[in-house]
Amino acid sequence: MGRRGYPPEFRRKVLDLVASGRRVVDVARDLEISDQTIYTWLRQERIDRGVEAGLTSPERAELSAARRRIAQLEAELAIHRRASELLGKVVPPKGGSRPSR
């Protein structure tokens, strides 16, 4: 599966299996997922509970959304700058072609 391919319910069930005493390697093999994926989920769960330092899931989501928005705004700004450059070459500056009174 690709990025974000596992729904939250599936992750929760996997973590519950590990919490019930099953070994990570066994759960990973049975469900055909990477054991490293499960370890990553376990670490994030510890962070969310405040046991380990790091960004919580809501903070990660907020940071990700902010980065996407920044990228979008930077792309829009680049478009506006390019349009301004092109228009500057086509449209003469104001005030230069009027006859004086």
PDB file of N, CA and C in Angstrom:
ATOM      1  N   MET A   1       0.834  -1.186   0.000  1.00  0.00           N
ATOM      2  CA  MET A   1       0.000   0.000   0.000  1.00  0.00           C
ATOM      3  C   MET A   1       0.873   1.241   0.000  1.00  0.00           C
ATOM      4  N   GLY A   2       0.322   2.323  -0.512  1.00  0.00           N
ATOM      5  CA  GLY A   2       1.056   3.572  -0.587  1.00  0.00           C
ATOM      6  C   GLY A   2       1.014   4.331   0.724  1.00  0.00           C
ATOM      7  N   ARG A   3       1.521   5.498   0.643  1.00  0.00           N
ATOM      8  CA  ARG A   3       1.525   6.385   1.800  1.00  0.00           C
ATOM      9  C   ARG A   3       0.116   6.569   2.334  1.00  0.00           C
ATOM     10  N   ARG A   4      -0.021   6.576   3.629  1.00  0.00           N
ATOM     11  CA  ARG A   4      -1.310   6.742   4.298  1.00  0.00           C
ATOM     12  C   ARG A   4      -2.310   5.683   3.845  1.00  0.00           C
ATOM     13  N   GLY A   5      -1.812   4.524   3.524  1.00  0.00           N
ATOM     14  CA  GLY A   5      -2.659   3.484   2.995  1.00  0.00           C
ATOM     15  C   GLY A   5      -3.425   2.701   4.047  1.00  0.00           C
ATOM     16  N   TYR A   6      -3.076   2.871   5.300  1.00  0.00           N
ATOM     17  CA  TYR A   6      -3.742   2.105   6.348  1.00  0.00           C
ATOM     18  C   TYR A   6      -4.706   3.012   7.107  1.00  0.00           C
ATOM     19  N   PRO A   7      -5.974   2.633   7.173  1.00  0.00           N
ATOM     20  CA  PRO A   7      -6.942   3.457   7.900  1.00  0.00           C
ATOM     21  C   PRO A   7      -6.670   3.444   9.404  1.00  0.00           C
ATOM     22  N   PRO A   8      -7.093   4.491  10.093  1.00  0.00           N
ATOM     23  CA  PRO A   8      -6.857   4.580  11.543  1.00  0.00           C
ATOM     24  C   PRO A   8      -7.405   3.385  12.324  1.00  0.00           C
ATOM     25  N   GLU A   9      -8.532   2.831  11.886  1.00  0.00           N
ATOM     26  CA  GLU A   9      -9.121   1.678  12.593  1.00  0.00           C
ATOM     27  C   GLU A   9      -8.178   0.478  12.525  1.00  0.00           C
ATOM     28  N   PHE A  10      -7.571   0.296  11.357  1.00  0.00           N
ATOM     29  CA  PHE A  10      -6.629  -0.813  11.186  1.00  0.00           C
ATOM     30  C   PHE A  10      -5.418  -0.612  12.093  1.00  0.00           C
ATOM     31  N   ARG A  11      -4.902   0.603  12.114  1.00  0.00           N
ATOM     32  CA  ARG A  11      -3.748   0.901  12.978  1.00  0.00           C
ATOM     33  C   ARG A  11      -4.086   0.619  14.442  1.00  0.00           C
ATOM     34  N   ARG A  12      -5.273   1.060  14.851  1.00  0.00           N
ATOM     35  CA  ARG A  12      -5.697   0.858  16.238  1.00  0.00           C
ATOM     36  C   ARG A  12      -5.751  -0.631  16.570  1.00  0.00           C
ATOM     37  N   LYS A  13      -6.305  -1.451  15.665  1.00  0.00           N
ATOM     38  CA  LYS A  13      -6.403  -2.894  15.913  1.00  0.00           C
ATOM     39  C   LYS A  13      -5.021  -3.536  15.990  1.00  0.00           C
ATOM     40  N   VAL A  14      -4.104  -3.079  15.132  1.00  0.00           N
ATOM     41  CA  VAL A  14      -2.738  -3.608  15.163  1.00  0.00           C
ATOM     42  C   VAL A  14      -2.088  -3.267  16.500  1.00  0.00           C
ATOM     43  N   LEU A  15      -2.240  -2.039  16.950  1.00  0.00           N
ATOM     44  CA  LEU A  15      -1.650  -1.633  18.228  1.00  0.00           C
ATOM     45  C   LEU A  15      -2.290  -2.380  19.398  1.00  0.00           C
ATOM     46  N   ASP A  16      -3.574  -2.652  19.289  1.00  0.00           N
ATOM     47  CA  ASP A  16      -4.251  -3.436  20.328  1.00  0.00           C
ATOM     48  C   ASP A  16      -3.705  -4.865  20.383  1.00  0.00           C
ATOM     49  N   LEU A  17      -3.429  -5.442  19.219  1.00  0.00           N
ATOM     50  CA  LEU A  17      -2.847  -6.793  19.178  1.00  0.00           C
ATOM     51  C   LEU A  17      -1.487  -6.811  19.868  1.00  0.00           C
ATOM     52  N   VAL A  18      -0.680  -5.798  19.599  1.00  0.00           N
ATOM     53  CA  VAL A  18       0.647  -5.728  20.220  1.00  0.00           C
ATOM     54  C   VAL A  18       0.508  -5.486  21.726  1.00  0.00           C
ATOM     55  N   ALA A  19      -0.453  -4.639  22.106  1.00  0.00           N
ATOM     56  CA  ALA A  19      -0.668  -4.352  23.528  1.00  0.00           C
ATOM     57  C   ALA A  19      -1.167  -5.586  24.273  1.00  0.00           C
ATOM     58  N   SER A  20      -1.847  -6.479  23.564  1.00  0.00           N
ATOM     59  CA  SER A  20      -2.363  -7.686  24.210  1.00  0.00           C
ATOM     60  C   SER A  20      -1.276  -8.737  24.438  1.00  0.00           C
ATOM     61  N   GLY A  21      -0.074  -8.455  23.956  1.00  0.00           N
ATOM     62  CA  GLY A  21       1.030  -9.369  24.230  1.00  0.00           C
ATOM     63  C   GLY A  21       1.617 -10.063  23.013  1.00  0.00           C
ATOM     64  N   ARG A  22       1.008  -9.876  21.850  1.00  0.00           N
ATOM     65  CA  ARG A  22       1.572 -10.497  20.642  1.00  0.00           C
ATOM     66  C   ARG A  22       2.830  -9.758  20.223  1.00  0.00           C
ATOM     67  N   ARG A  23       3.759 -10.504  19.694  1.00  0.00           N
ATOM     68  CA  ARG A  23       5.017  -9.907  19.255  1.00  0.00           C
ATOM     69  C   ARG A  23       4.807  -9.129  17.958  1.00  0.00           C
ATOM     70  N   VAL A  24       5.541  -8.021  17.826  1.00  0.00           N
ATOM     71  CA  VAL A  24       5.430  -7.169  16.651  1.00  0.00           C
ATOM     72  C   VAL A  24       5.741  -7.966  15.382  1.00  0.00           C
ATOM     73  N   VAL A  25       6.779  -8.778  15.434  1.00  0.00           N
ATOM     74  CA  VAL A  25       7.179  -9.559  14.268  1.00  0.00           C
ATOM     75  C   VAL A  25       6.054 -10.499  13.827  1.00  0.00           C
ATOM     76  N   ASP A  26       5.384 -11.137  14.783  1.00  0.00           N
ATOM     77  CA  ASP A  26       4.298 -12.057  14.451  1.00  0.00           C
ATOM     78  C   ASP A  26       3.102 -11.322  13.848  1.00  0.00           C
ATOM     79  N   VAL A  27       2.745 -10.203  14.439  1.00  0.00           N
ATOM     80  CA  VAL A  27       1.608  -9.419  13.923  1.00  0.00           C
ATOM     81  C   VAL A  27       1.924  -8.926  12.511  1.00  0.00           C
ATOM     82  N   ALA A  28       3.137  -8.436  12.316  1.00  0.00           N
ATOM     83  CA  ALA A  28       3.535  -7.937  10.998  1.00  0.00           C
ATOM     84  C   ALA A  28       3.481  -9.052   9.954  1.00  0.00           C
ATOM     85  N   ARG A  29       3.975 -10.202  10.298  1.00  0.00           N
ATOM     86  CA  ARG A  29       3.969 -11.325   9.362  1.00  0.00           C
ATOM     87  C   ARG A  29       2.532 -11.747   9.043  1.00  0.00           C
ATOM     88  N   ASP A  30       1.697 -11.877  10.068  1.00  0.00           N
ATOM     89  CA  ASP A  30       0.315 -12.323   9.870  1.00  0.00           C
ATOM     90  C   ASP A  30      -0.493 -11.342   9.012  1.00  0.00           C
ATOM     91  N   LEU A  31      -0.241 -10.051   9.185  1.00  0.00           N
ATOM     92  CA  LEU A  31      -1.011  -9.033   8.460  1.00  0.00           C
ATOM     93  C   LEU A  31      -0.307  -8.546   7.192  1.00  0.00           C
ATOM     94  N   GLU A  32       0.879  -9.107   6.938  1.00  0.00           N
ATOM     95  CA  GLU A  32       1.665  -8.764   5.759  1.00  0.00           C
ATOM     96  C   GLU A  32       1.964  -7.273   5.667  1.00  0.00           C
ATOM     97  N   ILE A  33       2.415  -6.713   6.784  1.00  0.00           N
ATOM     98  CA  ILE A  33       2.892  -5.335   6.801  1.00  0.00           C
ATOM     99  C   ILE A  33       4.282  -5.333   7.422  1.00  0.00           C
ATOM    100  N   SER A  34       4.982  -4.243   7.247  1.00  0.00           N
ATOM    101  CA  SER A  34       6.337  -4.128   7.758  1.00  0.00           C
ATOM    102  C   SER A  34       6.338  -4.009   9.284  1.00  0.00           C
ATOM    103  N   ASP A  35       7.268  -4.705   9.930  1.00  0.00           N
ATOM    104  CA  ASP A  35       7.371  -4.556  11.379  1.00  0.00           C
ATOM    105  C   ASP A  35       7.817  -3.142  11.737  1.00  0.00           C
ATOM    106  N   GLN A  36       8.594  -2.511  10.854  1.00  0.00           N
ATOM    107  CA  GLN A  36       9.023  -1.133  11.104  1.00  0.00           C
ATOM    108  C   GLN A  36       7.828  -0.184  11.133  1.00  0.00           C
ATOM    109  N   THR A  37       6.840  -0.464  10.307  1.00  0.00           N
ATOM    110  CA  THR A  37       5.611   0.334  10.301  1.00  0.00           C
ATOM    111  C   THR A  37       4.938   0.265  11.669  1.00  0.00           C
ATOM    112  N   ILE A  38       4.870  -0.928  12.223  1.00  0.00           N
ATOM    113  CA  ILE A  38       4.236  -1.093  13.534  1.00  0.00           C
ATOM    114  C   ILE A  38       5.043  -0.370  14.604  1.00  0.00           C
ATOM    115  N   TYR A  39       6.367  -0.471  14.539  1.00  0.00           N
ATOM    116  CA  TYR A  39       7.203   0.242  15.514  1.00  0.00           C
ATOM    117  C   TYR A  39       6.999   1.757  15.408  1.00  0.00           C
ATOM    118  N   THR A  40       6.832   2.251  14.182  1.00  0.00           N
ATOM    119  CA  THR A  40       6.568   3.679  13.990  1.00  0.00           C
ATOM    120  C   THR A  40       5.233   4.062  14.627  1.00  0.00           C
ATOM    121  N   TRP A  41       4.202   3.221  14.433  1.00  0.00           N
ATOM    122  CA  TRP A  41       2.899   3.491  15.039  1.00  0.00           C
ATOM    123  C   TRP A  41       2.978   3.452  16.558  1.00  0.00           C
ATOM    124  N   LEU A  42       3.749   2.500  17.095  1.00  0.00           N
ATOM    125  CA  LEU A  42       3.914   2.408  18.549  1.00  0.00           C
ATOM    126  C   LEU A  42       4.590   3.655  19.103  1.00  0.00           C
ATOM    127  N   ARG A  43       5.619   4.111  18.407  1.00  0.00           N
ATOM    128  CA  ARG A  43       6.332   5.315  18.858  1.00  0.00           C
ATOM    129  C   ARG A  43       5.383   6.517  18.832  1.00  0.00           C
ATOM    130  N   GLN A  44       4.599   6.662  17.756  1.00  0.00           N
ATOM    131  CA  GLN A  44       3.670   7.786  17.663  1.00  0.00           C
ATOM    132  C   GLN A  44       2.614   7.705  18.759  1.00  0.00           C
ATOM    133  N   GLU A  45       2.187   6.509  19.101  1.00  0.00           N
ATOM    134  CA  GLU A  45       1.214   6.355  20.184  1.00  0.00           C
ATOM    135  C   GLU A  45       1.811   6.816  21.522  1.00  0.00           C
ATOM    136  N   ARG A  46       3.080   6.476  21.754  1.00  0.00           N
ATOM    137  CA  ARG A  46       3.747   6.926  22.985  1.00  0.00           C
ATOM    138  C   ARG A  46       3.861   8.452  23.007  1.00  0.00           C
ATOM    139  N   ILE A  47       4.143   9.042  21.872  1.00  0.00           N
ATOM    140  CA  ILE A  47       4.224  10.507  21.788  1.00  0.00           C
ATOM    141  C   ILE A  47       2.854  11.114  22.067  1.00  0.00           C
ATOM    142  N   ASP A  48       1.809  10.554  21.470  1.00  0.00           N
ATOM    143  CA  ASP A  48       0.453  11.084  21.662  1.00  0.00           C
ATOM    144  C   ASP A  48       0.008  10.985  23.123  1.00  0.00           C
ATOM    145  N   ARG A  49       0.466   9.947  23.823  1.00  0.00           N
ATOM    146  CA  ARG A  49       0.114   9.791  25.242  1.00  0.00           C
ATOM    147  C   ARG A  49       0.984  10.651  26.151  1.00  0.00           C
ATOM    148  N   GLY A  50       2.032  11.273  25.589  1.00  0.00           N
ATOM    149  CA  GLY A  50       2.903  12.129  26.387  1.00  0.00           C
ATOM    150  C   GLY A  50       4.027  11.398  27.081  1.00  0.00           C
ATOM    151  N   VAL A  51       4.228  10.129  26.752  1.00  0.00           N
ATOM    152  CA  VAL A  51       5.283   9.320  27.366  1.00  0.00           C
ATOM    153  C   VAL A  51       6.639   9.642  26.735  1.00  0.00           C
ATOM    154  N   GLU A  52       6.619  10.002  25.458  1.00  0.00           N
ATOM    155  CA  GLU A  52       7.842  10.272  24.717  1.00  0.00           C
ATOM    156  C   GLU A  52       7.736  11.657  24.083  1.00  0.00           C
ATOM    157  N   ALA A  53       8.874  12.329  23.962  1.00  0.00           N
ATOM    158  CA  ALA A  53       8.884  13.668  23.373  1.00  0.00           C
ATOM    159  C   ALA A  53       8.721  13.578  21.856  1.00  0.00           C
ATOM    160  N   GLY A  54       8.059  14.576  21.290  1.00  0.00           N
ATOM    161  CA  GLY A  54       7.874  14.641  19.843  1.00  0.00           C
ATOM    162  C   GLY A  54       6.569  15.324  19.501  1.00  0.00           C
ATOM    163  N   LEU A  55       6.307  15.438  18.207  1.00  0.00           N
ATOM    164  CA  LEU A  55       5.063  16.058  17.743  1.00  0.00           C
ATOM    165  C   LEU A  55       3.916  15.059  17.836  1.00  0.00           C
ATOM    166  N   THR A  56       2.815  15.495  18.440  1.00  0.00           N
ATOM    167  CA  THR A  56       1.636  14.635  18.521  1.00  0.00           C
ATOM    168  C   THR A  56       0.985  14.543  17.146  1.00  0.00           C
ATOM    169  N   SER A  57       0.079  13.623  16.992  1.00  0.00           N
ATOM    170  CA  SER A  57      -0.604  13.444  15.704  1.00  0.00           C
ATOM    171  C   SER A  57      -1.325  14.709  15.244  1.00  0.00           C
ATOM    172  N   PRO A  58      -2.083  15.390  16.124  1.00  0.00           N
ATOM    173  CA  PRO A  58      -2.720  16.645  15.685  1.00  0.00           C
ATOM    174  C   PRO A  58      -1.690  17.712  15.291  1.00  0.00           C
ATOM    175  N   GLU A  59      -0.589  17.778  16.021  1.00  0.00           N
ATOM    176  CA  GLU A  59       0.455  18.748  15.671  1.00  0.00           C
ATOM    177  C   GLU A  59       1.075  18.406  14.316  1.00  0.00           C
ATOM    178  N   ARG A  60       1.294  17.123  14.075  1.00  0.00           N
ATOM    179  CA  ARG A  60       1.838  16.689  12.770  1.00  0.00           C
ATOM    180  C   ARG A  60       0.882  17.057  11.644  1.00  0.00           C
ATOM    181  N   ALA A  61      -0.408  16.829  11.859  1.00  0.00           N
ATOM    182  CA  ALA A  61      -1.408  17.147  10.838  1.00  0.00           C
ATOM    183  C   ALA A  61      -1.434  18.649  10.569  1.00  0.00           C
ATOM    184  N   GLU A  62      -1.373  19.440  11.629  1.00  0.00           N
ATOM    185  CA  GLU A  62      -1.378  20.894  11.480  1.00  0.00           C
ATOM    186  C   GLU A  62      -0.129  21.374  10.739  1.00  0.00           C
ATOM    187  N   LEU A  63       1.020  20.822  11.083  1.00  0.00           N
ATOM    188  CA  LEU A  63       2.273  21.187  10.426  1.00  0.00           C
ATOM    189  C   LEU A  63       2.232  20.807   8.948  1.00  0.00           C
ATOM    190  N   SER A  64       1.715  19.640   8.653  1.00  0.00           N
ATOM    191  CA  SER A  64       1.610  19.183   7.272  1.00  0.00           C
ATOM    192  C   SER A  64       0.684  20.103   6.467  1.00  0.00           C
ATOM    193  N   ALA A  65      -0.441  20.472   7.057  1.00  0.00           N
ATOM    194  CA  ALA A  65      -1.383  21.370   6.381  1.00  0.00           C
ATOM    195  C   ALA A  65      -0.747  22.744   6.162  1.00  0.00           C
ATOM    196  N   ALA A  66       0.001  23.222   7.140  1.00  0.00           N
ATOM    197  CA  ALA A  66       0.669  24.517   7.010  1.00  0.00           C
ATOM    198  C   ALA A  66       1.719  24.475   5.898  1.00  0.00           C
ATOM    199  N   ARG A  67       2.462  23.396   5.813  1.00  0.00           N
ATOM    200  CA  ARG A  67       3.468  23.263   4.746  1.00  0.00           C
ATOM    201  C   ARG A  67       2.817  23.228   3.368  1.00  0.00           C
ATOM    202  N   ARG A  68       1.689  22.503   3.260  1.00  0.00           N
ATOM    203  CA  ARG A  68       0.971  22.473   1.981  1.00  0.00           C
ATOM    204  C   ARG A  68       0.486  23.872   1.597  1.00  0.00           C
ATOM    205  N   ARG A  69      -0.049  24.596   2.581  1.00  0.00           N
ATOM    206  CA  ARG A  69      -0.558  25.949   2.316  1.00  0.00           C
ATOM    207  C   ARG A  69       0.577  26.885   1.918  1.00  0.00           C
ATOM    208  N   ILE A  70       1.711  26.783   2.573  1.00  0.00           N
ATOM    209  CA  ILE A  70       2.867  27.607   2.233  1.00  0.00           C
ATOM    210  C   ILE A  70       3.314  27.319   0.805  1.00  0.00           C
ATOM    211  N   ALA A  71       3.382  26.059   0.438  1.00  0.00           N
ATOM    212  CA  ALA A  71       3.781  25.687  -0.928  1.00  0.00           C
ATOM    213  C   ALA A  71       2.790  26.254  -1.942  1.00  0.00           C
ATOM    214  N   GLN A  72       1.507  26.187  -1.623  1.00  0.00           N
ATOM    215  CA  GLN A  72       0.480  26.720  -2.513  1.00  0.00           C
ATOM    216  C   GLN A  72       0.645  28.236  -2.668  1.00  0.00           C
ATOM    217  N   LEU A  73       0.856  28.940  -1.551  1.00  0.00           N
ATOM    218  CA  LEU A  73       1.019  30.389  -1.608  1.00  0.00           C
ATOM    219  C   LEU A  73       2.290  30.782  -2.352  1.00  0.00           C
ATOM    220  N   GLU A  74       3.363  30.019  -2.176  1.00  0.00           N
ATOM    221  CA  GLU A  74       4.600  30.306  -2.898  1.00  0.00           C
ATOM    222  C   GLU A  74       4.414  30.117  -4.398  1.00  0.00           C
ATOM    223  N   ALA A  75       3.660  29.098  -4.788  1.00  0.00           N
ATOM    224  CA  ALA A  75       3.379  28.876  -6.211  1.00  0.00           C
ATOM    225  C   ALA A  75       2.542  30.024  -6.777  1.00  0.00           C
ATOM    226  N   GLU A  76       1.535  30.457  -6.026  1.00  0.00           N
ATOM    227  CA  GLU A  76       0.710  31.584  -6.465  1.00  0.00           C
ATOM    228  C   GLU A  76       1.543  32.850  -6.594  1.00  0.00           C
ATOM    229  N   LEU A  77       2.433  33.079  -5.642  1.00  0.00           N
ATOM    230  CA  LEU A  77       3.288  34.264  -5.672  1.00  0.00           C
ATOM    231  C   LEU A  77       4.199  34.231  -6.896  1.00  0.00           C
ATOM    232  N   ALA A  78       4.750  33.069  -7.211  1.00  0.00           N
ATOM    233  CA  ALA A  78       5.608  32.934  -8.389  1.00  0.00           C
ATOM    234  C   ALA A  78       4.817  33.250  -9.664  1.00  0.00           C
ATOM    235  N   ILE A  79       3.577  32.809  -9.731  1.00  0.00           N
ATOM    236  CA  ILE A  79       2.727  33.094 -10.896  1.00  0.00           C
ATOM    237  C   ILE A  79       2.479  34.592 -11.019  1.00  0.00           C
ATOM    238  N   HIS A  80       2.155  35.227  -9.893  1.00  0.00           N
ATOM    239  CA  HIS A  80       1.897  36.672  -9.909  1.00  0.00           C
ATOM    240  C   HIS A  80       3.150  37.459 -10.287  1.00  0.00           C
ATOM    241  N   ARG A  81       4.290  37.037  -9.789  1.00  0.00           N
ATOM    242  CA  ARG A  81       5.541  37.731 -10.143  1.00  0.00           C
ATOM    243  C   ARG A  81       5.821  37.600 -11.635  1.00  0.00           C
ATOM    244  N   ARG A  82       5.628  36.391 -12.173  1.00  0.00           N
ATOM    245  CA  ARG A  82       5.879  36.169 -13.594  1.00  0.00           C
ATOM    246  C   ARG A  82       4.903  36.974 -14.438  1.00  0.00           C
ATOM    247  N   ALA A  83       3.632  37.009 -14.039  1.00  0.00           N
ATOM    248  CA  ALA A  83       2.638  37.795 -14.769  1.00  0.00           C
ATOM    249  C   ALA A  83       2.995  39.273 -14.733  1.00  0.00           C
ATOM    250  N   SER A  84       3.453  39.749 -13.611  1.00  0.00           N
ATOM    251  CA  SER A  84       3.860  41.145 -13.468  1.00  0.00           C
ATOM    252  C   SER A  84       5.036  41.463 -14.386  1.00  0.00           C
ATOM    253  N   GLU A  85       5.991  40.545 -14.469  1.00  0.00           N
ATOM    254  CA  GLU A  85       7.131  40.735 -15.373  1.00  0.00           C
ATOM    255  C   GLU A  85       6.660  40.835 -16.820  1.00  0.00           C
ATOM    256  N   LEU A  86       5.780  39.911 -17.210  1.00  0.00           N
ATOM    257  CA  LEU A  86       5.296  39.892 -18.594  1.00  0.00           C
ATOM    258  C   LEU A  86       4.471  41.137 -18.914  1.00  0.00           C
ATOM    259  N   LEU A  87       3.620  41.556 -17.993  1.00  0.00           N
ATOM    260  CA  LEU A  87       2.805  42.750 -18.218  1.00  0.00           C
ATOM    261  C   LEU A  87       3.666  44.007 -18.251  1.00  0.00           C
ATOM    262  N   GLY A  88       4.722  44.032 -17.491  1.00  0.00           N
ATOM    263  CA  GLY A  88       5.628  45.184 -17.488  1.00  0.00           C
ATOM    264  C   GLY A  88       6.279  45.383 -18.835  1.00  0.00           C
ATOM    265  N   LYS A  89       6.474  44.320 -19.582  1.00  0.00           N
ATOM    266  CA  LYS A  89       7.082  44.419 -20.911  1.00  0.00           C
ATOM    267  C   LYS A  89       6.061  44.848 -21.961  1.00  0.00           C
ATOM    268  N   VAL A  90       4.782  44.571 -21.738  1.00  0.00           N
ATOM    269  CA  VAL A  90       3.745  44.844 -22.728  1.00  0.00           C
ATOM    270  C   VAL A  90       3.089  46.198 -22.504  1.00  0.00           C
ATOM    271  N   VAL A  91       2.770  46.534 -21.277  1.00  0.00           N
ATOM    272  CA  VAL A  91       2.035  47.757 -20.958  1.00  0.00           C
ATOM    273  C   VAL A  91       3.031  48.860 -20.630  1.00  0.00           C
ATOM    274  N   PRO A  92       2.946  49.992 -21.340  1.00  0.00           N
ATOM    275  CA  PRO A  92       3.865  51.089 -21.020  1.00  0.00           C
ATOM    276  C   PRO A  92       3.526  51.703 -19.670  1.00  0.00           C
ATOM    277  N   PRO A  93       4.505  52.282 -19.004  1.00  0.00           N
ATOM    278  CA  PRO A  93       4.235  52.895 -17.700  1.00  0.00           C
ATOM    279  C   PRO A  93       3.255  54.054 -17.845  1.00  0.00           C
ATOM    280  N   LYS A  94       2.447  54.283 -16.845  1.00  0.00           N
ATOM    281  CA  LYS A  94       1.451  55.361 -16.861  1.00  0.00           C
ATOM    282  C   LYS A  94       2.147  56.730 -16.792  1.00  0.00           C
ATOM    283  N   GLY A  95       1.509  57.684 -17.447  1.00  0.00           N
ATOM    284  CA  GLY A  95       1.988  59.059 -17.344  1.00  0.00           C
ATOM    285  C   GLY A  95       3.031  59.430 -18.388  1.00  0.00           C
ATOM    286  N   GLY A  96       3.604  58.473 -19.058  1.00  0.00           N
ATOM    287  CA  GLY A  96       4.671  58.784 -20.006  1.00  0.00           C
ATOM    288  C   GLY A  96       4.170  59.191 -21.378  1.00  0.00           C
ATOM    289  N   SER A  97       2.934  58.874 -21.738  1.00  0.00           N
ATOM    290  CA  SER A  97       2.464  59.171 -23.109  1.00  0.00           C
ATOM    291  C   SER A  97       1.412  60.261 -23.168  1.00  0.00           C
ATOM    292  N   ARG A  98       1.064  60.873 -22.075  1.00  0.00           N
ATOM    293  CA  ARG A  98       0.041  61.932 -22.072  1.00  0.00           C
ATOM    294  C   ARG A  98       0.678  63.281 -22.429  1.00  0.00           C
ATOM    295  N   PRO A  99      -0.075  64.023 -23.199  1.00  0.00           N
ATOM    296  CA  PRO A  99       0.450  65.386 -23.462  1.00  0.00           C
ATOM    297  C   PRO A  99       0.262  66.242 -22.210  1.00  0.00           C
ATOM    298  N   SER A 100       1.199  67.111 -21.959  1.00  0.00           N
ATOM    299  CA  SER A 100       1.102  67.975 -20.774  1.00  0.00           C
ATOM    300  C   SER A 100       0.171  69.123 -21.043  1.00  0.00           C
ATOM    301  N   ARG A 101      -0.458  69.641 -20.024  1.00  0.00           N
ATOM    302  CA  ARG A 101      -1.431  70.733 -20.150  1.00  0.00           C
ATOM    303  C   ARG A 101      -0.780  72.068 -20.059  1.00  0.00           C
TER     304      ARG A 101
END
